Amino acid sequence: MTRIHRACRATFLSVVAVGALAGFTATAGAAADAIPTKIVRYADLDLTKPAGAKVLYQRIEAAAHEVCESASTHDLASLSRSHYCIEQAIDEAVRKVDSTALSELRFGSSPRLARQ
């Protein structure tokens, strides 16, 4: 992939609150319409360097917390769904970026890439 193509591809990344969101809505039909997303921009970062990957990882984490956190901090089930949603959203976003440095931050030395 050329550097120009990578820069264009790096314009934004959507963090999506996946699967676990169904528990936050009243009906399954409403869940499909209500899946929150947050755009995480990273065109300003060099993901070939660990520092750039670390900044993007922090942005992804913050976005996942924003779209997944439950308003209720006293309900254990809501906290569990929220935690699951956050973890899944981060995993999905990291896979979508497809950066070795970012994957190593999330998954360790053997990254689990989405599409091979």
C-alpha atoms as a PDB file:
ATOM      1  CA  MET A   1       0.000   0.000   0.000  1.00  0.00           C
ATOM      2  CA  THR A   2       1.482   3.338  -0.989  1.00  0.00           C
ATOM      3  CA  ARG A   3       1.993   6.111   1.525  1.00  0.00           C
ATOM      4  CA  ILE A   4      -0.597   8.315  -0.249  1.00  0.00           C
ATOM      5  CA  HIS A   5      -3.190   5.532  -0.220  1.00  0.00           C
ATOM      6  CA  ARG A   6      -2.478   4.906   3.483  1.00  0.00           C
ATOM      7  CA  ALA A   7      -2.894   8.620   4.246  1.00  0.00           C
ATOM      8  CA  CYS A   8      -6.248   8.711   2.460  1.00  0.00           C
ATOM      9  CA  ARG A   9      -7.367   5.579   4.250  1.00  0.00           C
ATOM     10  CA  ALA A  10      -6.320   7.092   7.571  1.00  0.00           C
ATOM     11  CA  THR A  11      -8.764   9.987   7.359  1.00  0.00           C
ATOM     12  CA  PHE A  12     -11.092   8.548   9.964  1.00  0.00           C
ATOM     13  CA  LEU A  13     -12.114   5.435  11.822  1.00  0.00           C
ATOM     14  CA  SER A  14     -15.522   4.732  13.291  1.00  0.00           C
ATOM     15  CA  VAL A  15     -15.656   3.015  16.636  1.00  0.00           C
ATOM     16  CA  VAL A  16     -18.893   1.060  16.742  1.00  0.00           C
ATOM     17  CA  ALA A  17     -20.521  -0.302  19.845  1.00  0.00           C
ATOM     18  CA  VAL A  18     -21.097  -3.827  18.580  1.00  0.00           C
ATOM     19  CA  GLY A  19     -23.255  -6.762  19.703  1.00  0.00           C
ATOM     20  CA  ALA A  20     -23.488  -5.836  23.376  1.00  0.00           C
ATOM     21  CA  LEU A  21     -25.572  -2.788  22.567  1.00  0.00           C
ATOM     22  CA  ALA A  22     -28.623  -4.970  22.048  1.00  0.00           C
ATOM     23  CA  GLY A  23     -28.913  -5.230  25.822  1.00  0.00           C
ATOM     24  CA  PHE A  24     -29.187  -1.448  26.170  1.00  0.00           C
ATOM     25  CA  THR A  25     -32.284  -1.070  24.007  1.00  0.00           C
ATOM     26  CA  ALA A  26     -35.883  -2.099  24.517  1.00  0.00           C
ATOM     27  CA  THR A  27     -36.271  -4.076  21.274  1.00  0.00           C
ATOM     28  CA  ALA A  28     -33.980  -5.846  18.860  1.00  0.00           C
ATOM     29  CA  GLY A  29     -35.313  -3.713  15.996  1.00  0.00           C
ATOM     30  CA  ALA A  30     -34.424  -0.529  17.851  1.00  0.00           C
ATOM     31  CA  ALA A  31     -30.930  -1.900  18.547  1.00  0.00           C
ATOM     32  CA  ALA A  32     -30.067  -1.995  14.846  1.00  0.00           C
ATOM     33  CA  ASP A  33     -31.053   1.655  14.483  1.00  0.00           C
ATOM     34  CA  ALA A  34     -29.412   2.767  17.716  1.00  0.00           C
ATOM     35  CA  ILE A  35     -25.851   1.438  17.371  1.00  0.00           C
ATOM     36  CA  PRO A  36     -23.716   4.424  18.307  1.00  0.00           C
ATOM     37  CA  THR A  37     -20.545   5.314  16.461  1.00  0.00           C
ATOM     38  CA  LYS A  38     -17.793   7.809  17.050  1.00  0.00           C
ATOM     39  CA  ILE A  39     -15.393   9.004  14.387  1.00  0.00           C
ATOM     40  CA  VAL A  40     -11.762   8.806  15.457  1.00  0.00           C
ATOM     41  CA  ARG A  41      -9.515  10.846  13.213  1.00  0.00           C
ATOM     42  CA  TYR A  42      -5.900   9.821  12.811  1.00  0.00           C
ATOM     43  CA  ALA A  43      -4.609  11.305   9.573  1.00  0.00           C
ATOM     44  CA  ASP A  44      -2.281  13.421  11.709  1.00  0.00           C
ATOM     45  CA  LEU A  45      -0.525  10.347  13.142  1.00  0.00           C
ATOM     46  CA  ASP A  46       2.315   8.215  11.807  1.00  0.00           C
ATOM     47  CA  LEU A  47       1.201   4.688  12.664  1.00  0.00           C
ATOM     48  CA  THR A  48       4.540   3.227  11.638  1.00  0.00           C
ATOM     49  CA  LYS A  49       5.941   4.704  14.854  1.00  0.00           C
ATOM     50  CA  PRO A  50       5.004   3.435  18.332  1.00  0.00           C
ATOM     51  CA  ALA A  51       4.209   6.970  19.535  1.00  0.00           C
ATOM     52  CA  GLY A  52       1.621   7.476  16.781  1.00  0.00           C
ATOM     53  CA  ALA A  53       0.041   4.077  17.451  1.00  0.00           C
ATOM     54  CA  LYS A  54      -0.151   4.859  21.170  1.00  0.00           C
ATOM     55  CA  VAL A  55      -1.951   8.160  20.565  1.00  0.00           C
ATOM     56  CA  LEU A  56      -4.457   6.461  18.241  1.00  0.00           C
ATOM     57  CA  TYR A  57      -5.016   3.673  20.768  1.00  0.00           C
ATOM     58  CA  GLN A  58      -5.826   6.282  23.428  1.00  0.00           C
ATOM     59  CA  ARG A  59      -8.274   7.977  21.050  1.00  0.00           C
ATOM     60  CA  ILE A  60      -9.945   4.647  20.270  1.00  0.00           C
ATOM     61  CA  GLU A  61     -10.252   3.817  23.978  1.00  0.00           C
ATOM     62  CA  ALA A  62     -11.800   7.205  24.734  1.00  0.00           C
ATOM     63  CA  ALA A  63     -14.291   6.843  21.871  1.00  0.00           C
ATOM     64  CA  ALA A  64     -15.253   3.322  22.949  1.00  0.00           C
ATOM     65  CA  HIS A  65     -15.881   4.523  26.497  1.00  0.00           C
ATOM     66  CA  GLU A  66     -17.970   7.388  25.169  1.00  0.00           C
ATOM     67  CA  VAL A  67     -20.239   5.230  22.994  1.00  0.00           C
ATOM     68  CA  CYS A  68     -20.482   2.238  25.320  1.00  0.00           C
ATOM     69  CA  GLU A  69     -20.595   3.441  28.900  1.00  0.00           C
ATOM     70  CA  SER A  70     -23.871   2.965  30.655  1.00  0.00           C
ATOM     71  CA  ALA A  71     -25.482   5.779  32.599  1.00  0.00           C
ATOM     72  CA  SER A  72     -26.103   3.379  35.473  1.00  0.00           C
ATOM     73  CA  THR A  73     -23.083   2.720  37.660  1.00  0.00           C
ATOM     74  CA  HIS A  74     -25.103   0.812  40.272  1.00  0.00           C
ATOM     75  CA  ASP A  75     -26.470  -1.954  38.048  1.00  0.00           C
ATOM     76  CA  LEU A  76     -24.007  -4.825  37.734  1.00  0.00           C
ATOM     77  CA  ALA A  77     -25.592  -6.130  34.526  1.00  0.00           C
ATOM     78  CA  SER A  78     -25.278  -2.695  32.879  1.00  0.00           C
ATOM     79  CA  LEU A  79     -21.649  -2.430  33.975  1.00  0.00           C
ATOM     80  CA  SER A  80     -20.926  -5.863  32.539  1.00  0.00           C
ATOM     81  CA  ARG A  81     -22.584  -5.033  29.180  1.00  0.00           C
ATOM     82  CA  SER A  82     -20.750  -1.713  29.084  1.00  0.00           C
ATOM     83  CA  HIS A  83     -17.364  -3.370  29.717  1.00  0.00           C
ATOM     84  CA  TYR A  84     -18.037  -5.995  27.048  1.00  0.00           C
ATOM     85  CA  CYS A  85     -19.128  -3.319  24.560  1.00  0.00           C
ATOM     86  CA  ILE A  86     -15.980  -1.262  25.223  1.00  0.00           C
ATOM     87  CA  GLU A  87     -13.678  -4.247  24.740  1.00  0.00           C
ATOM     88  CA  GLN A  88     -15.410  -5.339  21.529  1.00  0.00           C
ATOM     89  CA  ALA A  89     -15.456  -1.799  20.101  1.00  0.00           C
ATOM     90  CA  ILE A  90     -11.718  -1.387  20.760  1.00  0.00           C
ATOM     91  CA  ASP A  91     -10.931  -4.793  19.240  1.00  0.00           C
ATOM     92  CA  GLU A  92     -12.953  -4.022  16.105  1.00  0.00           C
ATOM     93  CA  ALA A  93     -11.463  -0.555  15.643  1.00  0.00           C
ATOM     94  CA  VAL A  94      -7.899  -1.837  16.045  1.00  0.00           C
ATOM     95  CA  ARG A  95      -8.550  -4.600  13.507  1.00  0.00           C
ATOM     96  CA  LYS A  96     -10.006  -2.114  11.019  1.00  0.00           C
ATOM     97  CA  VAL A  97      -6.933   0.114  11.166  1.00  0.00           C
ATOM     98  CA  ASP A  98      -4.735  -2.894  10.341  1.00  0.00           C
ATOM     99  CA  SER A  99      -1.559  -1.408  11.808  1.00  0.00           C
ATOM    100  CA  THR A 100       1.068  -3.728  13.267  1.00  0.00           C
ATOM    101  CA  ALA A 101       2.106  -1.237  15.963  1.00  0.00           C
ATOM    102  CA  LEU A 102      -1.508  -0.615  17.003  1.00  0.00           C
ATOM    103  CA  SER A 103      -2.345  -4.331  16.998  1.00  0.00           C
ATOM    104  CA  GLU A 104       0.655  -5.035  19.205  1.00  0.00           C
ATOM    105  CA  LEU A 105      -0.585  -2.456  21.713  1.00  0.00           C
ATOM    106  CA  ARG A 106      -3.982  -4.135  21.888  1.00  0.00           C
ATOM    107  CA  PHE A 107      -3.258  -7.817  21.369  1.00  0.00           C
ATOM    108  CA  GLY A 108       0.414  -8.220  22.220  1.00  0.00           C
ATOM    109  CA  SER A 109       3.122  -9.638  19.987  1.00  0.00           C
ATOM    110  CA  SER A 110       0.779 -11.908  18.012  1.00  0.00           C
ATOM    111  CA  PRO A 111      -1.907  -9.630  16.614  1.00  0.00           C
ATOM    112  CA  ARG A 112      -5.324 -11.035  15.694  1.00  0.00           C
ATOM    113  CA  LEU A 113      -5.905  -9.369  12.361  1.00  0.00           C
ATOM    114  CA  ALA A 114      -9.451  -9.321  11.005  1.00  0.00           C
ATOM    115  CA  ARG A 115      -8.896 -10.312   7.383  1.00  0.00           C
ATOM    116  CA  GLN A 116      -6.008 -12.380   6.159  1.00  0.00           C
END
